[in-house]
Amino acid sequence: MLAILAPMVILAAGLATTPEPQAQAAPSLTLSVAIDLAKAAIDACAAKGAHVSAAVVDASGNPLVVLRDEQSPKPPIAAPRKANAAVVFDQPGSVMEPREKTDPDFAARIKADADHLNPHAGSLPLHVGTALVGGLAIADTSHEGADSCARAALAKFPQFH
């Protein structure tokens, strides 16, 4: 009986001392990068003559940065809502905006939380690998212009796609 138990004890001891793989930390969006990204978005629009606001939110949709060009005529309300919608639905605003017009259930969900969701073009989800880490949005210009500026800004940050 001891001969049978000895290999099991050795096997159990080997299992107990085998190191477990280190859990990789989930990718995240830092405040420093969020500031740079929002500034790049505002600069991209300013280069086209558009004075806008920009917001970057984390993976939960909470604002990290909200910046407003000093010449923007509006308070920065729409940008955080647009960035949050990009995170909540993991889609760019250019996809969500037409969907809101054709999908009654989607439109109802937006209407039910209009203080937090704005599905218009100019917003992009931010991914590192397969992980959703946040969202970027520009507001206070045409939707097409906002989308163009957001994509131009994002192109300067190869860690995101």
Protein backbone atom coordinates (compact mmCIF):
# COMPACT_ATOMS: atom_id res chain seq x y z
CA MET A 1 0.00 0.00 0.00
CA LEU A 2 2.87 2.37 0.84
CA ALA A 3 4.35 1.69 -2.60
CA ILE A 4 1.11 2.82 -4.21
CA LEU A 5 0.81 5.98 -2.08
CA ALA A 6 4.43 7.13 -2.54
CA PRO A 7 4.05 8.06 -6.23
CA MET A 8 0.79 9.92 -5.44
CA VAL A 9 2.47 11.89 -2.64
CA ILE A 10 5.36 12.79 -4.96
CA LEU A 11 2.91 13.80 -7.69
CA ALA A 12 0.88 15.89 -5.24
CA ALA A 13 4.05 17.54 -3.96
CA GLY A 14 5.07 18.34 -7.54
CA LEU A 15 1.69 19.91 -8.22
CA ALA A 16 1.85 21.97 -5.07
CA THR A 17 5.22 23.47 -5.97
CA THR A 18 4.50 24.13 -9.64
CA PRO A 19 4.32 27.88 -9.99
CA GLU A 20 1.05 29.23 -11.28
CA PRO A 21 1.19 31.35 -14.40
CA GLN A 22 1.32 35.05 -13.64
CA ALA A 23 -1.95 36.76 -14.37
CA GLN A 24 -1.45 39.47 -16.91
CA ALA A 25 -2.71 42.87 -15.95
CA ALA A 26 -5.57 44.03 -18.13
CA PRO A 27 -4.52 46.80 -20.48
CA SER A 28 -5.66 50.20 -19.38
CA LEU A 29 -5.76 53.77 -20.51
CA THR A 30 -3.57 56.13 -18.49
CA LEU A 31 -4.47 59.70 -17.66
CA SER A 32 -1.35 60.96 -19.43
CA VAL A 33 -2.25 59.18 -22.67
CA ALA A 34 -5.89 60.28 -22.36
CA ILE A 35 -4.79 63.92 -22.10
CA ASP A 36 -2.53 63.55 -25.13
CA LEU A 37 -5.28 61.85 -27.12
CA ALA A 38 -7.88 64.53 -26.30
CA LYS A 39 -5.39 67.27 -27.16
CA ALA A 40 -4.54 65.55 -30.47
CA ALA A 41 -8.25 65.41 -31.30
CA ILE A 42 -8.76 69.11 -30.58
CA ASP A 43 -5.63 69.96 -32.58
CA ALA A 44 -6.81 67.87 -35.55
CA CYS A 45 -10.07 69.82 -35.65
CA ALA A 46 -8.39 73.19 -35.06
CA ALA A 47 -6.18 72.52 -38.09
CA LYS A 48 -9.42 72.32 -40.10
CA GLY A 49 -10.81 75.48 -38.54
CA ALA A 50 -13.20 73.69 -36.17
CA HIS A 51 -13.22 74.61 -32.48
CA VAL A 52 -14.48 71.62 -30.54
CA SER A 53 -14.54 69.74 -27.28
CA ALA A 54 -13.07 66.29 -26.83
CA ALA A 55 -13.51 63.61 -24.20
CA VAL A 56 -11.71 60.40 -23.37
CA VAL A 57 -13.42 57.89 -21.10
CA ASP A 58 -12.17 54.71 -19.46
CA ALA A 59 -13.43 51.18 -20.07
CA SER A 60 -16.40 51.84 -17.77
CA GLY A 61 -17.36 54.98 -19.66
CA ASN A 62 -16.21 57.31 -16.88
CA PRO A 63 -14.57 60.51 -18.14
CA LEU A 64 -10.81 60.70 -17.73
CA VAL A 65 -10.40 63.92 -19.70
CA VAL A 66 -12.79 66.51 -21.08
CA LEU A 67 -11.12 69.36 -22.96
CA ARG A 68 -12.73 72.30 -24.71
CA ASP A 69 -11.04 74.53 -27.26
CA GLU A 70 -11.25 78.02 -25.79
CA GLN A 71 -12.98 79.16 -28.99
CA SER A 72 -15.61 76.43 -28.93
CA PRO A 73 -19.05 78.05 -28.78
CA LYS A 74 -20.60 75.31 -26.62
CA PRO A 75 -20.04 73.74 -23.21
CA PRO A 76 -18.45 70.27 -23.41
CA ILE A 77 -21.57 68.20 -22.83
CA ALA A 78 -21.90 66.01 -25.92
CA ALA A 79 -18.33 64.70 -26.12
CA PRO A 80 -18.40 62.66 -22.87
CA ARG A 81 -21.80 61.20 -23.84
CA LYS A 82 -20.52 60.24 -27.27
CA ALA A 83 -17.36 58.64 -25.82
CA ASN A 84 -19.47 56.72 -23.29
CA ALA A 85 -21.75 55.41 -26.05
CA ALA A 86 -18.68 54.20 -27.97
CA VAL A 87 -17.71 52.17 -24.90
CA VAL A 88 -21.17 50.92 -23.94
CA PHE A 89 -21.88 49.62 -27.45
CA ASP A 90 -18.23 49.05 -28.47
CA GLN A 91 -18.93 50.74 -31.79
CA PRO A 92 -17.95 53.98 -33.47
CA GLY A 93 -20.58 56.68 -33.66
CA SER A 94 -20.50 56.45 -37.45
CA VAL A 95 -22.03 52.97 -37.07
CA MET A 96 -24.40 53.84 -34.22
CA GLU A 97 -25.85 57.01 -35.75
CA PRO A 98 -27.57 55.27 -38.70
CA ARG A 99 -28.50 52.36 -36.41
CA GLU A 100 -30.42 54.74 -34.16
CA LYS A 101 -32.62 55.62 -37.16
CA THR A 102 -33.31 52.02 -38.20
CA ASP A 103 -33.29 49.99 -34.96
CA PRO A 104 -36.22 50.95 -32.68
CA ASP A 105 -34.88 48.97 -29.71
CA PHE A 106 -31.48 50.68 -29.98
CA ALA A 107 -33.15 54.10 -30.32
CA ALA A 108 -35.26 53.40 -27.23
CA ARG A 109 -32.17 52.44 -25.22
CA ILE A 110 -30.45 55.69 -26.23
CA LYS A 111 -33.55 57.76 -25.41
CA ALA A 112 -33.86 56.06 -22.01
CA ASP A 113 -30.34 57.18 -21.05
CA ALA A 114 -29.88 60.35 -23.11
CA ASP A 115 -27.97 62.03 -20.26
CA HIS A 116 -25.18 59.47 -20.71
CA LEU A 117 -25.42 58.22 -24.31
CA ASN A 118 -25.02 60.04 -27.60
CA PRO A 119 -24.56 57.69 -30.57
CA HIS A 120 -23.41 60.26 -33.13
CA ALA A 121 -20.39 60.17 -35.39
CA GLY A 122 -17.20 61.51 -33.91
CA SER A 123 -16.80 58.80 -31.30
CA LEU A 124 -14.55 55.75 -31.36
CA PRO A 125 -14.02 52.85 -28.98
CA LEU A 126 -10.39 52.35 -27.96
CA HIS A 127 -8.91 48.85 -27.97
CA VAL A 128 -5.55 47.46 -26.94
CA GLY A 129 -5.41 44.02 -28.47
CA THR A 130 -8.85 42.59 -27.91
CA ALA A 131 -9.49 44.60 -24.73
CA LEU A 132 -11.80 47.59 -24.79
CA VAL A 133 -9.96 50.23 -22.73
CA GLY A 134 -11.99 53.37 -23.36
CA GLY A 135 -13.52 55.75 -25.83
CA LEU A 136 -12.67 59.00 -27.61
CA ALA A 137 -15.17 61.53 -28.87
CA ILE A 138 -15.28 64.97 -30.42
CA ALA A 139 -18.32 67.23 -30.39
CA ASP A 140 -19.46 70.69 -31.39
CA THR A 141 -18.78 70.43 -35.11
CA SER A 142 -20.39 68.48 -37.94
CA HIS A 143 -20.62 64.77 -37.29
CA GLU A 144 -18.51 64.03 -40.36
CA GLY A 145 -15.89 66.56 -39.26
CA ALA A 146 -15.83 65.16 -35.73
CA ASP A 147 -15.40 61.63 -37.07
CA SER A 148 -12.55 62.72 -39.34
CA CYS A 149 -10.74 64.51 -36.50
CA ALA A 150 -11.20 61.60 -34.07
CA ARG A 151 -9.77 59.15 -36.61
CA ALA A 152 -6.85 61.49 -37.37
CA ALA A 153 -6.05 61.82 -33.67
CA LEU A 154 -6.33 58.08 -33.08
CA ALA A 155 -3.93 57.39 -35.96
CA LYS A 156 -1.20 59.07 -33.90
CA PHE A 157 -1.59 56.45 -31.16
CA PRO A 158 -0.65 53.07 -32.64
CA GLN A 159 -1.30 51.26 -29.35
CA PHE A 160 -5.02 51.70 -30.00
CA HIS A 161 -7.12 50.39 -32.81
